[in-house]
Protein backbone atom coordinates (compact mmCIF):
# COMPACT_ATOMS: atom_id res chain seq x y z
CA MET A 1 123.40 5.59 50.51
CA PRO A 2 124.68 9.18 50.26
CA ARG A 3 122.24 12.05 50.68
CA ILE A 4 123.22 14.93 48.40
CA ARG A 5 122.43 18.62 48.79
CA LEU A 6 122.23 20.83 45.71
CA ASP A 7 122.24 24.62 45.98
CA LEU A 8 120.60 26.30 42.97
CA ALA A 9 119.85 29.69 41.50
CA TYR A 10 117.46 30.26 38.60
CA ASP A 11 115.62 32.77 36.45
CA GLY A 12 111.95 32.06 37.02
CA ASN A 13 110.89 33.75 33.78
CA ALA A 14 112.25 30.80 31.80
CA TYR A 15 109.95 28.29 33.50
CA LYS A 16 106.35 27.65 34.47
CA GLY A 17 107.24 27.42 38.14
CA TRP A 18 109.19 24.86 40.13
CA ALA A 19 106.99 21.76 40.12
CA ALA A 20 107.29 19.31 37.23
CA GLN A 21 104.22 19.35 34.98
CA PRO A 22 103.62 17.33 31.81
CA GLY A 23 104.28 19.34 28.67
CA LEU A 24 105.59 22.42 30.51
CA GLN A 25 109.11 23.73 31.10
CA THR A 26 109.68 23.82 34.86
CA VAL A 27 112.74 24.08 37.09
CA GLU A 28 112.13 20.67 38.64
CA GLY A 29 111.59 19.21 35.19
CA ALA A 30 114.89 20.64 33.96
CA LEU A 31 116.68 19.24 37.01
CA HIS A 32 115.05 15.83 36.60
CA GLU A 33 116.14 15.73 32.97
CA ALA A 34 119.71 16.71 33.83
CA LEU A 35 119.94 14.13 36.63
CA ALA A 36 118.54 11.40 34.38
CA THR A 37 121.15 12.29 31.75
CA ILE A 38 124.12 11.78 34.06
CA LEU A 39 122.69 8.95 36.19
CA ARG A 40 120.70 7.05 33.55
CA ARG A 41 117.63 6.84 35.77
CA GLU A 42 114.86 8.96 37.25
CA VAL A 43 115.79 10.57 40.57
CA ARG A 44 113.31 11.99 43.07
CA VAL A 45 114.25 15.35 44.57
CA THR A 46 112.91 17.26 47.59
CA VAL A 47 112.97 21.06 47.44
CA ALA A 48 113.03 23.63 50.24
CA GLY A 49 110.20 25.70 48.75
CA ARG A 50 108.32 25.54 45.47
CA THR A 51 108.09 28.73 43.44
CA ASP A 52 105.54 29.87 40.88
CA ALA A 53 106.07 30.96 37.28
CA GLY A 54 108.14 34.13 37.13
CA VAL A 55 109.52 33.77 40.68
CA HIS A 56 113.31 33.57 40.90
CA ALA A 57 115.79 31.99 43.30
CA ARG A 58 119.33 32.75 44.40
CA GLY A 59 119.36 30.29 47.28
CA GLN A 60 117.12 27.31 46.48
CA VAL A 61 118.04 24.03 48.18
CA VAL A 62 117.30 20.47 47.03
CA HIS A 63 118.22 17.06 48.36
CA LEU A 64 118.32 13.64 46.70
CA ASP A 65 119.59 10.16 47.50
CA LEU A 66 122.05 8.18 45.39
CA GLY A 67 123.49 4.70 45.58
CA ASP A 68 127.08 4.55 46.81
CA ASP A 69 128.24 3.08 43.47
CA GLU A 70 126.48 5.88 41.59
CA TRP A 71 128.10 8.53 43.77
CA GLN A 72 131.58 7.07 43.55
CA GLY A 73 131.24 6.48 39.80
CA LEU A 74 130.41 10.07 38.88
CA ALA A 75 134.07 10.91 38.18
CA ARG A 76 134.24 8.14 35.53
CA GLY A 77 137.91 7.48 36.22
CA ARG A 78 138.97 11.12 36.36
CA ASP A 79 140.93 12.60 39.24
CA LEU A 80 137.88 14.28 40.74
CA LEU A 81 136.04 13.95 44.02
CA PRO A 82 132.41 12.84 43.57
CA HIS A 83 130.96 16.24 44.49
CA GLU A 84 133.30 17.96 42.03
CA ALA A 85 132.35 15.52 39.29
CA MET A 86 128.63 15.96 39.92
CA LEU A 87 128.94 19.74 39.93
CA ARG A 88 130.74 19.70 36.57
CA ARG A 89 128.57 17.14 34.84
CA LEU A 90 125.21 18.37 36.10
CA SER A 91 126.14 21.99 35.39
CA GLY A 92 127.15 21.03 31.87
CA VAL A 93 123.78 19.45 31.13
CA LEU A 94 121.83 22.32 32.71
CA ASN A 95 123.82 24.88 30.73
CA CYS A 96 122.97 23.04 27.51
CA GLN A 97 119.26 23.51 28.20
CA GLN A 98 118.35 27.15 28.71
CA GLY A 99 121.17 28.35 30.93
CA ALA A 100 118.55 29.71 33.32
CA VAL A 101 119.47 27.32 36.16
CA VAL A 102 122.86 27.58 37.85
CA LEU A 103 124.09 24.80 40.12
CA LYS A 104 126.09 26.64 42.78
CA SER A 105 127.32 23.75 44.92
CA VAL A 106 127.05 20.01 45.59
CA SER A 107 127.67 18.52 49.03
CA VAL A 108 127.11 15.35 51.04
CA VAL A 109 124.81 15.89 54.02
CA PRO A 110 123.66 13.63 56.87
CA GLU A 111 120.74 11.31 56.12
CA THR A 112 118.75 13.34 58.66
CA PHE A 113 118.92 16.41 56.39
CA ASP A 114 115.64 17.24 54.66
CA ALA A 115 115.65 20.26 52.36
CA ARG A 116 112.04 21.05 53.25
CA PHE A 117 111.36 19.76 56.76
CA SER A 118 114.75 20.59 58.29
CA ALA A 119 114.63 24.25 57.28
CA LEU A 120 114.51 26.83 60.06
CA SER A 121 113.46 29.68 57.79
CA ARG A 122 113.20 30.97 54.24
CA SER A 123 114.08 34.53 53.19
CA TYR A 124 112.72 36.41 50.17
CA SER A 125 113.24 39.79 48.59
CA TYR A 126 110.92 41.79 46.35
CA ARG A 127 111.96 44.73 44.10
CA ILE A 128 109.55 47.50 43.10
CA ALA A 129 110.04 50.41 40.67
CA ASP A 130 107.16 52.83 41.17
CA ARG A 131 108.11 55.62 38.77
CA ARG A 132 108.64 55.53 35.02
CA GLU A 133 112.13 56.95 35.35
CA LEU A 134 113.03 53.92 37.49
CA TRP A 135 111.82 51.40 34.90
CA ASP A 136 115.07 49.81 33.75
CA PRO A 137 114.45 47.49 30.78
CA LEU A 138 117.57 45.52 31.76
CA ARG A 139 115.94 44.69 35.11
CA ARG A 140 112.39 44.17 33.88
CA HIS A 141 112.49 40.44 34.66
CA ASP A 142 113.34 40.85 38.35
CA THR A 143 111.55 44.08 39.24
CA ALA A 144 107.83 44.83 39.50
CA TRP A 145 106.91 47.99 37.60
CA ILE A 146 104.18 49.97 39.37
CA ARG A 147 102.35 52.89 37.75
CA GLY A 148 102.33 55.77 40.21
CA ALA A 149 104.47 56.51 43.27
CA VAL A 150 103.75 54.66 46.51
CA ASP A 151 104.49 55.61 50.12
CA ALA A 152 107.24 53.20 51.22
CA ARG A 153 107.01 54.36 54.85
CA LEU A 154 103.33 53.46 55.04
CA MET A 155 104.12 50.10 53.45
CA ASP A 156 106.86 49.43 56.01
CA ALA A 157 104.47 50.22 58.87
CA GLU A 158 101.99 47.70 57.43
CA ALA A 159 104.77 45.11 57.25
CA THR A 160 105.79 45.65 60.89
CA ALA A 161 102.19 45.27 62.06
CA VAL A 162 101.92 41.65 60.89
CA LEU A 163 105.19 40.32 62.33
CA GLY A 164 104.99 37.30 64.61
CA LEU A 165 103.05 34.05 64.82
CA HIS A 166 99.64 34.33 63.16
CA ASP A 167 97.10 32.46 61.10
CA PHE A 168 97.87 33.95 57.67
CA GLY A 169 94.81 32.33 56.08
CA SER A 170 93.71 35.70 54.68
CA PHE A 171 97.00 35.90 52.73
CA CYS A 172 97.37 32.25 51.70
CA ARG A 173 95.53 30.43 48.96
CA PRO A 174 94.07 27.44 50.86
CA ARG A 175 95.14 23.87 50.25
CA GLU A 176 93.54 20.78 51.71
CA HIS A 177 95.21 19.38 54.86
CA SER A 178 97.60 22.36 55.06
CA THR A 179 97.98 24.79 57.94
CA THR A 180 98.20 28.54 57.34
CA ILE A 181 99.80 29.30 60.71
CA ARG A 182 103.24 30.80 60.17
CA GLU A 183 105.79 32.84 62.10
CA LEU A 184 106.76 35.93 60.13
CA GLN A 185 110.16 36.68 61.65
CA ALA A 186 111.19 39.72 59.60
CA PHE A 187 109.38 42.00 57.14
CA THR A 188 110.78 45.36 56.10
CA ILE A 189 110.13 47.66 53.14
CA ARG A 190 112.69 50.35 52.30
CA ARG A 191 113.31 52.78 49.46
CA GLY A 192 116.98 52.77 48.50
CA ALA A 193 119.15 55.68 47.41
CA ASP A 194 118.48 54.64 43.81
CA GLY A 195 114.73 55.03 44.33
CA ILE A 196 113.99 51.29 44.13
CA ILE A 197 111.78 49.87 46.89
CA THR A 198 112.94 46.55 48.31
CA ALA A 199 110.90 44.34 50.61
CA THR A 200 112.65 41.62 52.62
CA LEU A 201 110.79 38.83 54.40
CA THR A 202 111.82 35.88 56.56
CA ALA A 203 109.51 33.24 58.03
CA ASP A 204 109.71 29.68 59.28
CA ALA A 205 107.83 28.85 56.08
CA PHE A 206 105.54 30.56 53.58
CA CYS A 207 102.32 29.09 52.30
CA HIS A 208 100.86 29.31 48.82
CA HIS A 209 100.90 32.92 47.49
CA MET A 210 101.66 34.32 50.98
CA VAL A 211 104.56 36.60 50.02
CA ARG A 212 102.87 38.06 46.96
CA ALA A 213 99.63 38.58 48.91
CA LEU A 214 101.42 40.39 51.73
CA ILE A 215 103.31 42.61 49.28
CA GLY A 216 100.09 43.24 47.36
CA GLY A 217 98.36 44.36 50.56
CA CYS A 218 101.22 46.71 51.40
CA LEU A 219 101.04 48.15 47.88
CA ASP A 220 97.31 48.79 48.31
CA VAL A 221 98.05 50.87 51.40
CA GLY A 222 101.07 52.56 49.83
CA GLU A 223 98.98 53.57 46.82
CA GLY A 224 96.11 54.84 48.98
CA ARG A 225 93.65 52.13 47.93
CA ARG A 226 93.41 50.87 51.52
CA ALA A 227 93.57 52.72 54.82
CA PRO A 228 96.64 52.29 57.05
CA GLY A 229 96.21 49.27 59.33
CA TRP A 230 94.48 47.19 56.66
CA LEU A 231 96.96 44.30 56.76
CA PHE A 232 96.58 43.80 60.50
CA SER A 233 92.79 44.07 60.35
CA ARG A 234 92.75 41.56 57.49
CA LEU A 235 94.71 39.12 59.66
CA GLN A 236 91.74 38.98 62.02
CA GLU A 237 89.67 37.32 59.26
CA PRO A 238 91.85 34.37 58.21
CA SER A 239 90.07 33.41 55.00
CA TRP A 240 91.12 33.92 51.40
CA ASP A 241 88.81 36.08 49.27
CA GLN A 242 88.76 38.51 46.35
CA ARG A 243 90.01 41.40 48.48
CA VAL A 244 93.48 39.88 48.33
CA ARG A 245 95.71 41.37 45.65
CA LEU A 246 98.72 39.41 44.43
CA ALA A 247 101.81 41.42 43.58
CA PRO A 248 103.40 40.52 40.21
CA PRO A 249 105.65 37.44 40.42
CA GLN A 250 108.75 38.81 38.68
CA GLY A 251 109.84 40.98 41.62
CA LEU A 252 110.13 38.00 43.96
CA VAL A 253 113.37 36.14 44.71
CA LEU A 254 114.03 33.27 47.12
CA GLU A 255 117.26 34.54 48.65
CA SER A 256 118.21 31.84 51.16
CA VAL A 257 117.12 28.91 53.29
CA ALA A 258 118.52 28.51 56.82
CA TYR A 259 119.18 25.16 58.52
CA PRO A 260 120.24 24.15 62.05
CA ARG A 261 123.47 22.42 63.01
CA GLU A 262 123.88 18.84 61.84
CA ASP A 263 123.09 17.41 65.27
CA GLN A 264 119.75 19.25 65.26
CA LEU A 265 118.52 18.33 61.77
CA ALA A 266 116.46 15.32 62.80
CA GLN A 267 114.83 17.16 65.68
CA ARG A 268 113.92 20.10 63.48
CA ALA A 269 112.40 17.84 60.82
CA GLU A 270 110.37 16.03 63.48
CA GLN A 271 109.10 19.33 64.89
CA THR A 272 108.08 20.58 61.45
CA ARG A 273 106.21 17.41 60.61
CA ALA A 274 104.38 17.57 63.95
CA LEU A 275 103.27 21.15 63.28
CA ARG A 276 102.15 20.37 59.74
CA PRO A 277 100.76 16.83 59.77
CA VAL A 278 100.37 14.85 56.58
CA HIS A 279 96.84 13.43 56.27
CA THR A 280 96.79 12.45 52.63
CA GLY A 281 99.12 12.60 49.69
CA THR A 282 102.82 13.20 50.03
CA ALA A 283 104.61 15.21 52.66
CA GLU A 284 105.62 17.74 50.07
CA SER A 285 102.05 18.50 49.05
CA ALA A 286 100.77 18.74 52.60
CA VAL A 287 103.43 20.94 54.13
CA ASN A 288 102.56 23.75 51.72
CA ASP A 289 105.78 25.78 52.02
CA ASP A 290 105.28 27.77 48.83
CA ALA A 291 105.83 31.46 48.23
CA GLU A 292 104.27 31.68 44.80
């Protein structure tokens, strides 16, 4: 039974987030519909990290399982390898919908590969334009427009202060049976030569709203609303409350997901499950690797 990896990119503005929801256009819903069209049945998919409405992806990863006959039959008699046939057919259906999801590659992976549990890290970027002259209407869907200049150096210092393994409960919207302990491996905020501020973050995983909450806290300091050192002091009180400010979603992009070597996939998945136990519901709801 082949396990298939799909690498996707998408414009989050076209959808109400990743997760399929009745009556709403979502990325998962669009993918489910496209898979059902070419396979003539519903197919369950597992995603590396769910994203909220308005959040984009360049490097989203999904896995699914197919029957061997289904996999071999995708070419329908044409001189194509199964992964080539799936890439063509699935891309064709997705392009006929909104064109906001691009299937970048299709590959066969070991059965020990799990798009969510096997991941070593996820990396995100966040674009900010903090002056009117930087507001480019052609980039309005992937850049947060901020009224008033911010101090990018102060923001970068805030980012550095919260690196490492912490309980990020003060920057994560809580979910039942989910841990908020994460290792923030990289977090930098820089103003480029073009004036645009770009934040880059990497962690073993991100919990619900964590990226936007961290960026929002840095913006508060950069705008002078909070004193320098606020992010680190807030870490000492790991509980979500109204002091947390969420940065706008449209500046956020899932850039990539990193995985170990094939011979280490099973071990990594086992370690992740041990750190984030599933008490009730499905593994996907309990792990809580969302950067909405």
